[in-house]
mmCIF file of all heavy atoms, coordinates in Angstrom:
data_MODEL
# 
_entry.id   MODEL 
# 
loop_
_atom_site.group_PDB 
_atom_site.id 
_atom_site.type_symbol 
_atom_site.label_atom_id 
_atom_site.label_alt_id 
_atom_site.label_comp_id 
_atom_site.label_asym_id 
_atom_site.label_entity_id 
_atom_site.label_seq_id 
_atom_site.pdbx_PDB_ins_code 
_atom_site.Cartn_x 
_atom_site.Cartn_y 
_atom_site.Cartn_z 
_atom_site.occupancy 
_atom_site.B_iso_or_equiv 
_atom_site.pdbx_formal_charge 
_atom_site.auth_seq_id 
_atom_site.auth_comp_id 
_atom_site.auth_asym_id 
_atom_site.auth_atom_id 
_atom_site.pdbx_PDB_model_num 
ATOM 1   N N   . ASN A 1 1  ? 166.709 45.028 196.989 1.00 0.00 ? 1  ASN A N   1 
ATOM 2   C CA  . ASN A 1 1  ? 166.125 45.701 198.129 1.00 0.00 ? 1  ASN A CA  1 
ATOM 3   C C   . ASN A 1 1  ? 167.065 45.774 199.317 1.00 0.00 ? 1  ASN A C   1 
ATOM 4   O O   . ASN A 1 1  ? 166.704 46.166 200.439 1.00 0.00 ? 1  ASN A O   1 
ATOM 5   C CB  . ASN A 1 1  ? 164.843 44.938 198.553 1.00 0.00 ? 1  ASN A CB  1 
ATOM 6   C CG  . ASN A 1 1  ? 163.872 44.819 197.411 1.00 0.00 ? 1  ASN A CG  1 
ATOM 7   O OD1 . ASN A 1 1  ? 163.508 45.812 196.798 1.00 0.00 ? 1  ASN A OD1 1 
ATOM 8   N ND2 . ASN A 1 1  ? 163.461 43.602 197.127 1.00 0.00 ? 1  ASN A ND2 1 
ATOM 9   N N   . GLY A 1 2  ? 168.351 45.457 199.067 1.00 0.00 ? 2  GLY A N   1 
ATOM 10  C CA  . GLY A 1 2  ? 169.336 45.580 200.113 1.00 0.00 ? 2  GLY A CA  1 
ATOM 11  C C   . GLY A 1 2  ? 169.358 44.506 201.148 1.00 0.00 ? 2  GLY A C   1 
ATOM 12  O O   . GLY A 1 2  ? 169.826 44.708 202.246 1.00 0.00 ? 2  GLY A O   1 
ATOM 13  N N   . CYS A 1 3  ? 168.800 43.309 200.806 1.00 0.00 ? 3  CYS A N   1 
ATOM 14  C CA  . CYS A 1 3  ? 168.720 42.233 201.749 1.00 0.00 ? 3  CYS A CA  1 
ATOM 15  C C   . CYS A 1 3  ? 169.923 41.314 201.715 1.00 0.00 ? 3  CYS A C   1 
ATOM 16  O O   . CYS A 1 3  ? 169.906 40.247 202.362 1.00 0.00 ? 3  CYS A O   1 
ATOM 17  C CB  . CYS A 1 3  ? 167.440 41.443 201.543 1.00 0.00 ? 3  CYS A CB  1 
ATOM 18  S SG  . CYS A 1 3  ? 165.948 42.394 201.852 1.00 0.00 ? 3  CYS A SG  1 
ATOM 19  N N   . GLY A 1 4  ? 170.964 41.623 200.980 1.00 0.00 ? 4  GLY A N   1 
ATOM 20  C CA  . GLY A 1 4  ? 172.195 40.830 200.977 1.00 0.00 ? 4  GLY A CA  1 
ATOM 21  C C   . GLY A 1 4  ? 172.674 40.465 199.612 1.00 0.00 ? 4  GLY A C   1 
ATOM 22  O O   . GLY A 1 4  ? 171.947 40.548 198.605 1.00 0.00 ? 4  GLY A O   1 
ATOM 23  N N   . THR A 1 5  ? 173.979 39.990 199.550 1.00 0.00 ? 5  THR A N   1 
ATOM 24  C CA  . THR A 1 5  ? 174.586 39.629 198.289 1.00 0.00 ? 5  THR A CA  1 
ATOM 25  C C   . THR A 1 5  ? 175.257 38.271 198.478 1.00 0.00 ? 5  THR A C   1 
ATOM 26  O O   . THR A 1 5  ? 175.969 38.026 199.426 1.00 0.00 ? 5  THR A O   1 
ATOM 27  C CB  . THR A 1 5  ? 175.635 40.678 197.882 1.00 0.00 ? 5  THR A CB  1 
ATOM 28  O OG1 . THR A 1 5  ? 175.032 41.942 197.727 1.00 0.00 ? 5  THR A OG1 1 
ATOM 29  C CG2 . THR A 1 5  ? 176.304 40.281 196.567 1.00 0.00 ? 5  THR A CG2 1 
ATOM 30  N N   . ALA A 1 6  ? 174.981 37.360 197.535 1.00 0.00 ? 6  ALA A N   1 
ATOM 31  C CA  . ALA A 1 6  ? 175.607 36.044 197.493 1.00 0.00 ? 6  ALA A CA  1 
ATOM 32  C C   . ALA A 1 6  ? 176.753 36.086 196.511 1.00 0.00 ? 6  ALA A C   1 
ATOM 33  O O   . ALA A 1 6  ? 176.645 36.730 195.430 1.00 0.00 ? 6  ALA A O   1 
ATOM 34  C CB  . ALA A 1 6  ? 174.605 34.986 197.118 1.00 0.00 ? 6  ALA A CB  1 
ATOM 35  N N   . THR A 1 7  ? 177.873 35.411 196.818 1.00 0.00 ? 7  THR A N   1 
ATOM 36  C CA  . THR A 1 7  ? 179.054 35.432 195.949 1.00 0.00 ? 7  THR A CA  1 
ATOM 37  C C   . THR A 1 7  ? 179.566 34.006 195.729 1.00 0.00 ? 7  THR A C   1 
ATOM 38  O O   . THR A 1 7  ? 179.343 33.123 196.537 1.00 0.00 ? 7  THR A O   1 
ATOM 39  C CB  . THR A 1 7  ? 180.179 36.263 196.530 1.00 0.00 ? 7  THR A CB  1 
ATOM 40  O OG1 . THR A 1 7  ? 180.587 35.729 197.777 1.00 0.00 ? 7  THR A OG1 1 
ATOM 41  C CG2 . THR A 1 7  ? 179.709 37.706 196.772 1.00 0.00 ? 7  THR A CG2 1 
ATOM 42  N N   . ASN A 1 8  ? 180.254 33.826 194.642 1.00 0.00 ? 8  ASN A N   1 
ATOM 43  C CA  . ASN A 1 8  ? 180.865 32.573 194.294 1.00 0.00 ? 8  ASN A CA  1 
ATOM 44  C C   . ASN A 1 8  ? 181.936 32.825 193.223 1.00 0.00 ? 8  ASN A C   1 
ATOM 45  O O   . ASN A 1 8  ? 181.860 33.837 192.521 1.00 0.00 ? 8  ASN A O   1 
ATOM 46  C CB  . ASN A 1 8  ? 179.881 31.513 193.808 1.00 0.00 ? 8  ASN A CB  1 
ATOM 47  C CG  . ASN A 1 8  ? 180.337 30.121 194.086 1.00 0.00 ? 8  ASN A CG  1 
ATOM 48  O OD1 . ASN A 1 8  ? 181.548 29.857 194.263 1.00 0.00 ? 8  ASN A OD1 1 
ATOM 49  N ND2 . ASN A 1 8  ? 179.378 29.188 194.100 1.00 0.00 ? 8  ASN A ND2 1 
ATOM 50  N N   . GLU A 1 9  ? 182.915 31.936 193.096 1.00 0.00 ? 9  GLU A N   1 
ATOM 51  C CA  . GLU A 1 9  ? 183.944 32.064 192.094 1.00 0.00 ? 9  GLU A CA  1 
ATOM 52  C C   . GLU A 1 9  ? 183.724 31.063 190.992 1.00 0.00 ? 9  GLU A C   1 
ATOM 53  O O   . GLU A 1 9  ? 183.215 29.961 191.262 1.00 0.00 ? 9  GLU A O   1 
ATOM 54  C CB  . GLU A 1 9  ? 185.330 31.833 192.692 1.00 0.00 ? 9  GLU A CB  1 
ATOM 55  C CG  . GLU A 1 9  ? 185.803 32.981 193.595 1.00 0.00 ? 9  GLU A CG  1 
ATOM 56  C CD  . GLU A 1 9  ? 187.222 32.729 194.096 1.00 0.00 ? 9  GLU A CD  1 
ATOM 57  O OE1 . GLU A 1 9  ? 187.694 31.588 193.978 1.00 0.00 ? 9  GLU A OE1 1 
ATOM 58  O OE2 . GLU A 1 9  ? 187.826 33.695 194.612 1.00 0.00 ? 9  GLU A OE2 1 
ATOM 59  N N   . VAL A 1 10 ? 184.069 31.429 189.774 1.00 0.00 ? 10 VAL A N   1 
ATOM 60  C CA  . VAL A 1 10 ? 183.941 30.542 188.654 1.00 0.00 ? 10 VAL A CA  1 
ATOM 61  C C   . VAL A 1 10 ? 185.132 30.788 187.730 1.00 0.00 ? 10 VAL A C   1 
ATOM 62  O O   . VAL A 1 10 ? 185.628 31.907 187.637 1.00 0.00 ? 10 VAL A O   1 
ATOM 63  C CB  . VAL A 1 10 ? 182.607 30.730 187.905 1.00 0.00 ? 10 VAL A CB  1 
ATOM 64  C CG1 . VAL A 1 10 ? 182.534 32.087 187.230 1.00 0.00 ? 10 VAL A CG1 1 
ATOM 65  C CG2 . VAL A 1 10 ? 182.415 29.631 186.877 1.00 0.00 ? 10 VAL A CG2 1 
ATOM 66  N N   . TYR A 1 11 ? 185.593 29.717 187.060 1.00 0.00 ? 11 TYR A N   1 
ATOM 67  C CA  . TYR A 1 11 ? 186.740 29.810 186.193 1.00 0.00 ? 11 TYR A CA  1 
ATOM 68  C C   . TYR A 1 11 ? 186.311 29.294 184.779 1.00 0.00 ? 11 TYR A C   1 
ATOM 69  O O   . TYR A 1 11 ? 185.772 28.222 184.678 1.00 0.00 ? 11 TYR A O   1 
ATOM 70  C CB  . TYR A 1 11 ? 187.916 28.971 186.692 1.00 0.00 ? 11 TYR A CB  1 
ATOM 71  C CG  . TYR A 1 11 ? 188.361 29.419 188.030 1.00 0.00 ? 11 TYR A CG  1 
ATOM 72  C CD1 . TYR A 1 11 ? 187.833 28.919 189.219 1.00 0.00 ? 11 TYR A CD1 1 
ATOM 73  C CD2 . TYR A 1 11 ? 189.401 30.365 188.118 1.00 0.00 ? 11 TYR A CD2 1 
ATOM 74  C CE1 . TYR A 1 11 ? 188.284 29.357 190.470 1.00 0.00 ? 11 TYR A CE1 1 
ATOM 75  C CE2 . TYR A 1 11 ? 189.856 30.821 189.366 1.00 0.00 ? 11 TYR A CE2 1 
ATOM 76  C CZ  . TYR A 1 11 ? 189.280 30.307 190.532 1.00 0.00 ? 11 TYR A CZ  1 
ATOM 77  O OH  . TYR A 1 11 ? 189.704 30.720 191.737 1.00 0.00 ? 11 TYR A OH  1 
ATOM 78  N N   . LEU A 1 12 ? 186.584 30.138 183.808 1.00 0.00 ? 12 LEU A N   1 
ATOM 79  C CA  . LEU A 1 12 ? 186.342 29.772 182.404 1.00 0.00 ? 12 LEU A CA  1 
ATOM 80  C C   . LEU A 1 12 ? 187.660 29.259 181.862 1.00 0.00 ? 12 LEU A C   1 
ATOM 81  O O   . LEU A 1 12 ? 188.642 29.974 181.776 1.00 0.00 ? 12 LEU A O   1 
ATOM 82  C CB  . LEU A 1 12 ? 185.849 30.993 181.608 1.00 0.00 ? 12 LEU A CB  1 
ATOM 83  C CG  . LEU A 1 12 ? 184.536 31.583 182.126 1.00 0.00 ? 12 LEU A CG  1 
ATOM 84  C CD1 . LEU A 1 12 ? 184.161 32.797 181.219 1.00 0.00 ? 12 LEU A CD1 1 
ATOM 85  C CD2 . LEU A 1 12 ? 183.407 30.609 182.129 1.00 0.00 ? 12 LEU A CD2 1 
ATOM 86  N N   . LEU A 1 13 ? 187.663 27.925 181.528 1.00 0.00 ? 13 LEU A N   1 
ATOM 87  C CA  . LEU A 1 13 ? 188.886 27.273 181.125 1.00 0.00 ? 13 LEU A CA  1 
ATOM 88  C C   . LEU A 1 13 ? 189.252 27.550 179.664 1.00 0.00 ? 13 LEU A C   1 
ATOM 89  O O   . LEU A 1 13 ? 188.377 27.770 178.811 1.00 0.00 ? 13 LEU A O   1 
ATOM 90  C CB  . LEU A 1 13 ? 188.747 25.758 181.343 1.00 0.00 ? 13 LEU A CB  1 
ATOM 91  C CG  . LEU A 1 13 ? 188.429 25.294 182.768 1.00 0.00 ? 13 LEU A CG  1 
ATOM 92  C CD1 . LEU A 1 13 ? 188.439 23.792 182.824 1.00 0.00 ? 13 LEU A CD1 1 
ATOM 93  C CD2 . LEU A 1 13 ? 189.387 25.905 183.768 1.00 0.00 ? 13 LEU A CD2 1 
ATOM 94  N N   . MET A 1 14 ? 190.516 27.561 179.401 1.00 0.00 ? 14 MET A N   1 
ATOM 95  C CA  . MET A 1 14 ? 191.050 27.654 178.049 1.00 0.00 ? 14 MET A CA  1 
ATOM 96  C C   . MET A 1 14 ? 192.408 26.998 178.021 1.00 0.00 ? 14 MET A C   1 
ATOM 97  O O   . MET A 1 14 ? 193.018 26.746 179.059 1.00 0.00 ? 14 MET A O   1 
ATOM 98  C CB  . MET A 1 14 ? 191.161 29.150 177.638 1.00 0.00 ? 14 MET A CB  1 
ATOM 99  C CG  . MET A 1 14 ? 191.476 29.377 176.174 1.00 0.00 ? 14 MET A CG  1 
ATOM 100 S SD  . MET A 1 14 ? 190.360 28.465 175.088 1.00 0.00 ? 14 MET A SD  1 
ATOM 101 C CE  . MET A 1 14 ? 191.086 28.785 173.507 1.00 0.00 ? 14 MET A CE  1 
ATOM 102 N N   . PHE A 1 15 ? 192.910 26.652 176.843 1.00 0.00 ? 15 PHE A N   1 
ATOM 103 C CA  . PHE A 1 15 ? 194.168 25.954 176.716 1.00 0.00 ? 15 PHE A CA  1 
ATOM 104 C C   . PHE A 1 15 ? 195.094 26.729 175.750 1.00 0.00 ? 15 PHE A C   1 
ATOM 105 O O   . PHE A 1 15 ? 194.612 27.374 174.837 1.00 0.00 ? 15 PHE A O   1 
ATOM 106 C CB  . PHE A 1 15 ? 193.942 24.539 176.214 1.00 0.00 ? 15 PHE A CB  1 
ATOM 107 C CG  . PHE A 1 15 ? 193.361 24.459 174.834 1.00 0.00 ? 15 PHE A CG  1 
ATOM 108 C CD1 . PHE A 1 15 ? 194.210 24.356 173.728 1.00 0.00 ? 15 PHE A CD1 1 
ATOM 109 C CD2 . PHE A 1 15 ? 192.001 24.538 174.641 1.00 0.00 ? 15 PHE A CD2 1 
ATOM 110 C CE1 . PHE A 1 15 ? 193.666 24.287 172.434 1.00 0.00 ? 15 PHE A CE1 1 
ATOM 111 C CE2 . PHE A 1 15 ? 191.456 24.478 173.366 1.00 0.00 ? 15 PHE A CE2 1 
ATOM 112 C CZ  . PHE A 1 15 ? 192.301 24.356 172.251 1.00 0.00 ? 15 PHE A CZ  1 
ATOM 113 N N   . PRO A 1 16 ? 196.397 26.662 175.997 1.00 0.00 ? 16 PRO A N   1 
ATOM 114 C CA  . PRO A 1 16 ? 197.329 27.257 175.056 1.00 0.00 ? 16 PRO A CA  1 
ATOM 115 C C   . PRO A 1 16 ? 197.264 26.500 173.713 1.00 0.00 ? 16 PRO A C   1 
ATOM 116 O O   . PRO A 1 16 ? 197.249 25.263 173.708 1.00 0.00 ? 16 PRO A O   1 
ATOM 117 C CB  . PRO A 1 16 ? 198.672 27.091 175.731 1.00 0.00 ? 16 PRO A CB  1 
ATOM 118 C CG  . PRO A 1 16 ? 198.370 26.832 177.150 1.00 0.00 ? 16 PRO A CG  1 
ATOM 119 C CD  . PRO A 1 16 ? 197.068 26.103 177.161 1.00 0.00 ? 16 PRO A CD  1 
ATOM 120 N N   . ARG A 1 17 ? 197.238 27.196 172.620 1.00 0.00 ? 17 ARG A N   1 
ATOM 121 C CA  . ARG A 1 17 ? 197.176 26.548 171.311 1.00 0.00 ? 17 ARG A CA  1 
ATOM 122 C C   . ARG A 1 17 ? 198.531 26.039 170.868 1.00 0.00 ? 17 ARG A C   1 
ATOM 123 O O   . ARG A 1 17 ? 198.640 25.224 169.924 1.00 0.00 ? 17 ARG A O   1 
ATOM 124 C CB  . ARG A 1 17 ? 196.586 27.502 170.288 1.00 0.00 ? 17 ARG A CB  1 
ATOM 125 C CG  . ARG A 1 17 ? 195.157 27.936 170.651 1.00 0.00 ? 17 ARG A CG  1 
ATOM 126 C CD  . ARG A 1 17 ? 194.495 28.730 169.571 1.00 0.00 ? 17 ARG A CD  1 
ATOM 127 N NE  . ARG A 1 17 ? 193.184 29.198 169.990 1.00 0.00 ? 17 ARG A NE  1 
ATOM 128 C CZ  . ARG A 1 17 ? 192.069 28.488 169.953 1.00 0.00 ? 17 ARG A CZ  1 
ATOM 129 N NH1 . ARG A 1 17 ? 192.111 27.229 169.539 1.00 0.00 ? 17 ARG A NH1 1 
ATOM 130 N NH2 . ARG A 1 17 ? 190.930 28.999 170.317 1.00 0.00 ? 17 ARG A NH2 1 
ATOM 131 N N   . PHE A 1 18 ? 199.553 26.501 171.557 1.00 0.00 ? 18 PHE A N   1 
ATOM 132 C CA  . PHE A 1 18 ? 200.893 25.969 171.285 1.00 0.00 ? 18 PHE A CA  1 
ATOM 133 C C   . PHE A 1 18 ? 201.772 26.241 172.500 1.00 0.00 ? 18 PHE A C   1 
ATOM 134 O O   . PHE A 1 18 ? 201.415 27.087 173.351 1.00 0.00 ? 18 PHE A O   1 
ATOM 135 C CB  . PHE A 1 18 ? 201.490 26.587 170.019 1.00 0.00 ? 18 PHE A CB  1 
ATOM 136 C CG  . PHE A 1 18 ? 201.872 28.035 170.200 1.00 0.00 ? 18 PHE A CG  1 
ATOM 137 C CD1 . PHE A 1 18 ? 203.126 28.408 170.624 1.00 0.00 ? 18 PHE A CD1 1 
ATOM 138 C CD2 . PHE A 1 18 ? 200.908 29.033 169.957 1.00 0.00 ? 18 PHE A CD2 1 
ATOM 139 C CE1 . PHE A 1 18 ? 203.444 29.780 170.774 1.00 0.00 ? 18 PHE A CE1 1 
ATOM 140 C CE2 . PHE A 1 18 ? 201.231 30.368 170.092 1.00 0.00 ? 18 PHE A CE2 1 
ATOM 141 C CZ  . PHE A 1 18 ? 202.487 30.726 170.528 1.00 0.00 ? 18 PHE A CZ  1 
ATOM 142 N N   . PHE A 1 19 ? 202.906 25.495 172.601 1.00 0.00 ? 19 PHE A N   1 
ATOM 143 C CA  . PHE A 1 19 ? 203.910 25.828 173.578 1.00 0.00 ? 19 PHE A CA  1 
ATOM 144 C C   . PHE A 1 19 ? 205.310 25.483 173.030 1.00 0.00 ? 19 PHE A C   1 
ATOM 145 O O   . PHE A 1 19 ? 205.407 24.695 172.064 1.00 0.00 ? 19 PHE A O   1 
ATOM 146 C CB  . PHE A 1 19 ? 203.622 25.162 174.917 1.00 0.00 ? 19 PHE A CB  1 
ATOM 147 C CG  . PHE A 1 19 ? 203.973 23.693 175.012 1.00 0.00 ? 19 PHE A CG  1 
ATOM 148 C CD1 . PHE A 1 19 ? 204.953 23.234 175.888 1.00 0.00 ? 19 PHE A CD1 1 
ATOM 149 C CD2 . PHE A 1 19 ? 203.376 22.760 174.169 1.00 0.00 ? 19 PHE A CD2 1 
ATOM 150 C CE1 . PHE A 1 19 ? 205.282 21.911 175.974 1.00 0.00 ? 19 PHE A CE1 1 
ATOM 151 C CE2 . PHE A 1 19 ? 203.647 21.431 174.266 1.00 0.00 ? 19 PHE A CE2 1 
ATOM 152 C CZ  . PHE A 1 19 ? 204.621 20.996 175.166 1.00 0.00 ? 19 PHE A CZ  1 
ATOM 153 N N   . THR A 1 20 ? 206.316 26.105 173.628 1.00 0.00 ? 20 THR A N   1 
ATOM 154 C CA  . THR A 1 20 ? 207.689 25.984 173.105 1.00 0.00 ? 20 THR A CA  1 
ATOM 155 C C   . THR A 1 20 ? 208.640 25.622 174.240 1.00 0.00 ? 20 THR A C   1 
ATOM 156 O O   . THR A 1 20 ? 209.235 26.490 174.885 1.00 0.00 ? 20 THR A O   1 
ATOM 157 C CB  . THR A 1 20 ? 208.147 27.304 172.453 1.00 0.00 ? 20 THR A CB  1 
ATOM 158 O OG1 . THR A 1 20 ? 208.025 28.343 173.421 1.00 0.00 ? 20 THR A OG1 1 
ATOM 159 C CG2 . THR A 1 20 ? 207.300 27.641 171.245 1.00 0.00 ? 20 THR A CG2 1 
ATOM 160 N N   . PRO A 1 21 ? 208.787 24.322 174.552 1.00 0.00 ? 21 PRO A N   1 
ATOM 161 C CA  . PRO A 1 21 ? 209.627 23.899 175.679 1.00 0.00 ? 21 PRO A CA  1 
ATOM 162 C C   . PRO A 1 21 ? 211.112 23.932 175.328 1.00 0.00 ? 21 PRO A C   1 
ATOM 163 O O   . PRO A 1 21 ? 211.767 22.911 175.197 1.00 0.00 ? 21 PRO A O   1 
ATOM 164 C CB  . PRO A 1 21 ? 209.112 22.468 175.913 1.00 0.00 ? 21 PRO A CB  1 
ATOM 165 C CG  . PRO A 1 21 ? 208.679 21.988 174.573 1.00 0.00 ? 21 PRO A CG  1 
ATOM 166 C CD  . PRO A 1 21 ? 208.125 23.175 173.846 1.00 0.00 ? 21 PRO A CD  1 
ATOM 167 N N   . ASN A 1 22 ? 211.631 25.149 175.199 1.00 0.00 ? 22 ASN A N   1 
ATOM 168 C CA  . ASN A 1 22 ? 213.045 25.323 174.856 1.00 0.00 ? 22 ASN A CA  1 
ATOM 169 C C   . ASN A 1 22 ? 213.883 25.880 175.984 1.00 0.00 ? 22 ASN A C   1 
ATOM 170 O O   . ASN A 1 22 ? 215.051 26.213 175.796 1.00 0.00 ? 22 ASN A O   1 
ATOM 171 C CB  . ASN A 1 22 ? 213.184 26.183 173.613 1.00 0.00 ? 22 ASN A CB  1 
ATOM 172 C CG  . ASN A 1 22 ? 212.460 27.558 173.771 1.00 0.00 ? 22 ASN A CG  1 
ATOM 173 O OD1 . ASN A 1 22 ? 212.160 27.920 174.880 1.00 0.00 ? 22 ASN A OD1 1 
ATOM 174 N ND2 . ASN A 1 22 ? 212.199 28.212 172.646 1.00 0.00 ? 22 ASN A ND2 1 
ATOM 175 N N   . GLY A 1 23 ? 213.288 26.017 177.186 1.00 0.00 ? 23 GLY A N   1 
ATOM 176 C CA  . GLY A 1 23 ? 214.027 26.478 178.329 1.00 0.00 ? 23 GLY A CA  1 
ATOM 177 C C   . GLY A 1 23 ? 214.293 27.940 178.401 1.00 0.00 ? 23 GLY A C   1 
ATOM 178 O O   . GLY A 1 23 ? 215.056 28.399 179.256 1.00 0.00 ? 23 GLY A O   1 
ATOM 179 N N   . ASP A 1 24 ? 213.596 28.745 177.586 1.00 0.00 ? 24 ASP A N   1 
ATOM 180 C CA  . ASP A 1 24 ? 213.828 30.207 177.621 1.00 0.00 ? 24 ASP A CA  1 
ATOM 181 C C   . ASP A 1 24 ? 212.939 30.896 178.666 1.00 0.00 ? 24 ASP A C   1 
ATOM 182 O O   . ASP A 1 24 ? 212.970 32.117 178.810 1.00 0.00 ? 24 ASP A O   1 
ATOM 183 C CB  . ASP A 1 24 ? 213.652 30.829 176.263 1.00 0.00 ? 24 ASP A CB  1 
ATOM 184 C CG  . ASP A 1 24 ? 212.214 30.680 175.741 1.00 0.00 ? 24 ASP A CG  1 
ATOM 185 O OD1 . ASP A 1 24 ? 211.379 30.049 176.448 1.00 0.00 ? 24 ASP A OD1 1 
ATOM 186 O OD2 . ASP A 1 24 ? 211.895 31.197 174.636 1.00 0.00 ? 24 ASP A OD2 1 
ATOM 187 N N   . GLY A 1 25 ? 212.101 30.148 179.359 1.00 0.00 ? 25 GLY A N   1 
ATOM 188 C CA  . GLY A 1 25 ? 211.264 30.714 180.366 1.00 0.00 ? 25 GLY A CA  1 
ATOM 189 C C   . GLY A 1 25 ? 209.928 31.213 179.847 1.00 0.00 ? 25 GLY A C   1 
ATOM 190 O O   . GLY A 1 25 ? 209.116 31.699 180.613 1.00 0.00 ? 25 GLY A O   1 
# 
C-alpha cells in the first residue's frame, strides 16, 4: 500500500572446494 520498505543484507556462505597455493595469483 506504499507505506514503506524495510531492507537488510544477508550473505549465503560457501567455501572453495579446492585451492592451489602456488603463487600464481
